[in-house]
Protein backbone atom coordinates (compact mmCIF):
# COMPACT_ATOMS: atom_id res chain seq x y z
CA MET A 1 6.01 -5.91 22.92
CA LEU A 2 5.62 -9.92 23.76
CA TRP A 3 4.53 -10.86 20.18
CA ASP A 4 4.07 -14.24 20.45
CA HIS A 5 4.69 -16.98 22.99
CA GLY A 6 5.38 -21.08 22.35
CA ARG A 7 8.22 -23.03 22.01
CA TRP A 8 10.21 -24.09 18.99
CA ILE A 9 11.26 -27.44 18.38
CA PRO A 10 14.62 -28.49 15.99
CA HIS A 11 14.05 -30.38 13.01
CA PRO A 12 14.56 -33.92 14.11
CA ASP A 13 16.78 -34.99 11.26
CA LYS A 14 18.94 -31.73 12.14
CA ASP A 15 21.56 -30.89 15.19
CA PRO A 16 20.58 -27.27 14.64
CA ARG A 17 24.17 -26.05 16.50
CA LYS A 18 25.95 -27.62 13.28
CA THR A 19 23.04 -26.09 10.30
CA LEU A 20 23.06 -22.68 12.55
CA GLU A 21 27.01 -22.52 11.67
CA GLU A 22 26.26 -23.73 8.18
CA GLY A 23 23.88 -20.93 7.80
CA HIS A 24 20.60 -22.63 8.37
CA LEU A 25 17.62 -23.61 10.88
CA HIS A 26 15.09 -25.95 10.32
CA PHE A 27 12.13 -25.56 13.10
CA THR A 28 8.67 -26.34 14.06
CA LEU A 29 6.76 -23.32 16.18
CA GLU A 30 4.29 -23.98 18.75
CA GLY A 31 3.39 -20.50 19.24
CA GLU A 32 0.27 -18.68 19.81
CA ARG A 33 0.58 -16.78 16.42
CA MET A 34 3.60 -18.65 14.48
CA ARG A 35 2.59 -22.13 13.88
CA GLY A 36 3.88 -24.93 12.16
CA GLU A 37 7.67 -25.43 9.73
CA TRP A 38 9.70 -22.47 9.66
CA VAL A 39 13.49 -22.37 7.99
CA MET A 40 15.42 -19.30 8.87
CA PHE A 41 18.38 -19.30 6.59
CA ARG A 42 21.43 -16.20 6.43
CA LEU A 43 22.07 -14.12 3.71
CA LYS A 44 24.63 -12.70 1.91
CA PRO A 45 25.29 -9.06 3.74
CA LYS A 46 25.04 -6.03 1.57
CA PRO A 47 27.88 -3.92 1.28
CA GLY A 48 28.58 -1.46 4.06
CA GLU A 49 25.99 -3.98 6.45
CA LYS A 50 27.81 -4.37 9.54
CA ALA A 51 24.74 -6.97 10.88
CA GLU A 52 24.43 -10.50 9.82
CA PRO A 53 21.11 -10.40 7.80
CA TRP A 54 18.85 -14.21 7.67
CA MET A 55 15.43 -14.80 6.73
CA LEU A 56 12.63 -16.34 7.39
CA LYS A 57 10.35 -18.47 5.43
CA LYS A 58 7.01 -20.25 6.47
CA VAL A 59 7.27 -23.86 4.89
CA THR A 60 4.15 -25.27 3.12
CA ASP A 61 2.63 -27.02 6.04
CA GLU A 62 -1.36 -27.29 7.09
CA PHE A 63 -0.51 -23.65 8.87
CA ALA A 64 0.85 -21.89 5.19
CA ASN A 65 -1.78 -19.34 3.98
CA PRO A 66 0.00 -18.80 0.81
CA ASP A 67 -3.01 -16.37 -0.03
CA ASN A 68 -2.36 -14.03 2.90
CA GLY A 69 1.28 -14.15 3.32
CA GLU A 70 0.99 -10.65 5.40
CA GLU A 71 -1.44 -12.08 7.42
CA LEU A 72 0.50 -12.63 10.82
CA VAL A 73 2.25 -9.03 10.20
CA ASP A 74 -1.28 -6.71 9.39
CA GLU A 75 -3.65 -8.53 11.72
CA PHE A 76 -1.14 -8.69 14.89
CA THR A 77 -0.30 -5.84 16.22
CA THR A 78 -0.36 -6.21 19.43
CA SER A 79 1.02 -7.60 22.65
CA VAL A 80 -0.21 -11.76 23.40
CA THR A 81 0.03 -10.83 27.12
CA THR A 82 -1.52 -7.63 27.19
CA ASP A 83 -3.40 -7.00 23.92
CA ARG A 84 -1.78 -3.52 23.68
CA THR A 85 -0.39 -1.91 20.87
CA MET A 86 3.46 -0.37 20.60
CA ALA A 87 1.88 3.31 21.39
CA GLU A 88 -0.52 2.18 23.82
CA ILE A 89 2.62 0.65 25.50
CA ALA A 90 5.00 3.46 25.09
CA SER A 91 2.43 5.95 26.39
CA GLY A 92 0.99 3.11 29.66
CA SER A 93 1.69 3.64 33.08
CA GLU A 94 4.37 0.80 33.35
CA VAL A 95 7.57 0.63 32.03
CA TRP A 96 9.31 -2.46 32.26
CA ARG A 97 13.20 -2.06 32.95
CA SER A 98 15.88 -4.88 32.26
CA ASN A 99 18.71 -5.54 35.19
CA ARG A 100 21.39 -5.02 32.55
CA GLY A 101 23.90 -1.72 33.23
CA GLY A 102 23.51 -2.44 37.00
CA GLN A 103 20.05 -0.94 37.29
CA LYS A 104 18.14 -2.25 39.06
CA GLY A 105 15.11 -4.65 36.97
CA GLY A 106 11.70 -4.63 37.56
CA ARG A 107 8.17 -2.73 36.64
CA ALA A 108 8.73 0.90 37.59
CA LYS A 109 5.83 3.74 37.52
CA LYS A 110 6.11 6.09 34.49
CA LYS A 111 3.44 9.57 34.51
CA ALA A 112 0.55 7.77 32.33
CA SER A 113 0.16 9.87 29.07
CA GLU A 114 -2.42 10.13 26.40
CA ALA A 115 -1.64 7.63 23.67
CA PRO A 116 -2.15 8.46 20.18
CA PRO A 117 -5.60 8.11 19.10
CA PRO A 118 -6.68 5.39 16.84
CA PHE A 119 -6.28 5.14 12.66
CA GLN A 120 -8.78 6.57 10.97
CA SER A 121 -9.35 6.35 7.19
CA PRO A 122 -7.58 10.11 5.07
CA GLN A 123 -9.97 11.32 2.50
CA LEU A 124 -8.13 9.90 -0.81
CA ALA A 125 -8.26 11.85 -3.52
CA THR A 126 -10.99 11.36 -6.60
CA LEU A 127 -10.18 12.07 -10.72
CA VAL A 128 -12.50 14.79 -11.46
CA ASP A 129 -13.12 16.60 -14.98
CA GLU A 130 -13.32 20.32 -13.13
CA VAL A 131 -12.12 21.48 -10.42
CA PRO A 132 -14.87 22.08 -8.12
CA PRO A 133 -16.61 26.04 -7.77
CA GLY A 134 -15.41 28.52 -5.07
CA SER A 135 -12.48 28.65 -3.37
CA ASN A 136 -13.78 26.22 0.23
CA TRP A 137 -11.30 23.58 -1.14
CA LEU A 138 -7.70 22.67 -0.41
CA PHE A 139 -5.29 21.04 -3.44
CA GLU A 140 -2.44 18.79 -2.31
CA TYR A 141 0.16 17.37 -5.05
CA LYS A 142 0.10 13.84 -5.70
CA TYR A 143 3.59 13.04 -5.64
CA ASP A 144 4.98 9.61 -6.33
CA GLY A 145 6.34 7.44 -2.63
CA TYR A 146 4.21 6.49 0.17
CA ARG A 147 1.25 8.58 2.11
CA LEU A 148 1.62 7.96 5.62
CA LEU A 149 -0.46 9.40 8.66
CA ILE A 150 0.94 10.12 11.97
CA ALA A 151 -0.88 10.10 14.70
CA THR A 152 0.57 11.54 17.95
CA GLY A 153 -0.10 11.49 22.07
CA SER A 154 1.75 12.64 24.84
CA GLY A 155 5.48 11.02 23.88
CA ALA A 156 4.18 8.57 21.79
CA ALA A 157 3.93 8.54 17.87
CA THR A 158 2.22 5.89 15.64
CA ALA A 159 2.28 6.30 11.89
CA TRP A 160 0.28 4.54 9.65
CA THR A 161 -0.39 4.12 5.72
CA ARG A 162 -3.54 5.25 4.03
CA ASN A 163 -5.40 1.47 4.62
CA GLY A 164 -4.54 1.29 8.15
CA LYS A 165 -1.42 -0.71 8.27
CA ASP A 166 0.55 0.45 11.46
CA TRP A 167 4.46 1.07 9.97
CA SER A 168 6.07 2.76 12.73
CA ASP A 169 8.44 0.22 12.32
CA LYS A 170 9.42 1.04 9.27
CA PHE A 171 9.72 4.74 9.74
CA ARG A 172 11.21 4.64 13.61
CA ALA A 173 13.00 7.94 13.21
CA LEU A 174 10.06 9.66 11.67
CA VAL A 175 7.91 8.58 15.04
CA LYS A 176 10.42 9.18 17.10
CA ALA A 177 10.72 12.46 15.97
CA ALA A 178 7.09 13.24 15.65
CA ALA A 179 6.53 11.62 19.18
CA HIS A 180 8.23 14.75 20.99
CA LEU A 181 6.37 17.15 19.19
CA PRO A 182 3.94 19.61 21.14
CA PRO A 183 0.23 19.05 21.43
CA ALA A 184 -1.90 20.77 18.77
CA ALA A 185 -3.65 23.66 19.99
């Protein structure tokens, strides 16, 4: 997925090669989705972490939206070039292969499969004073934690929160396993 497209411009008063070595980078983005001033800085790694953690922070400017800090990740879940979600890309008919590892690069045809269905709101628990009459109802225990809905298609899956946010990236292992489930009968 190509999530954004544009250019970055280093802060005019700072040499990016020097500040990057020092652990920070100040720049302006002119993208389709990310715009304005940003600062990226290196964090101290947690014990056992092999990768070098970095944080990206939006500088308060005309493009900042402090009342909706999650707007970028909540509202923009498709590719800027194809307007497809990750699930649609995973189940599509064309796959990009890089030329790394001695393989020929370019687009390769893949057998098309059925994409996972779109999000559907789940029925939420309702507090009542009495148990409903009859036996035509189910009881679900309420545990602390996340309620995750998994939608599967042929070889692809999407993990949704109960509010419809795509959390496939946060539950990669679960989504990967669910993508290999056989179709429901």
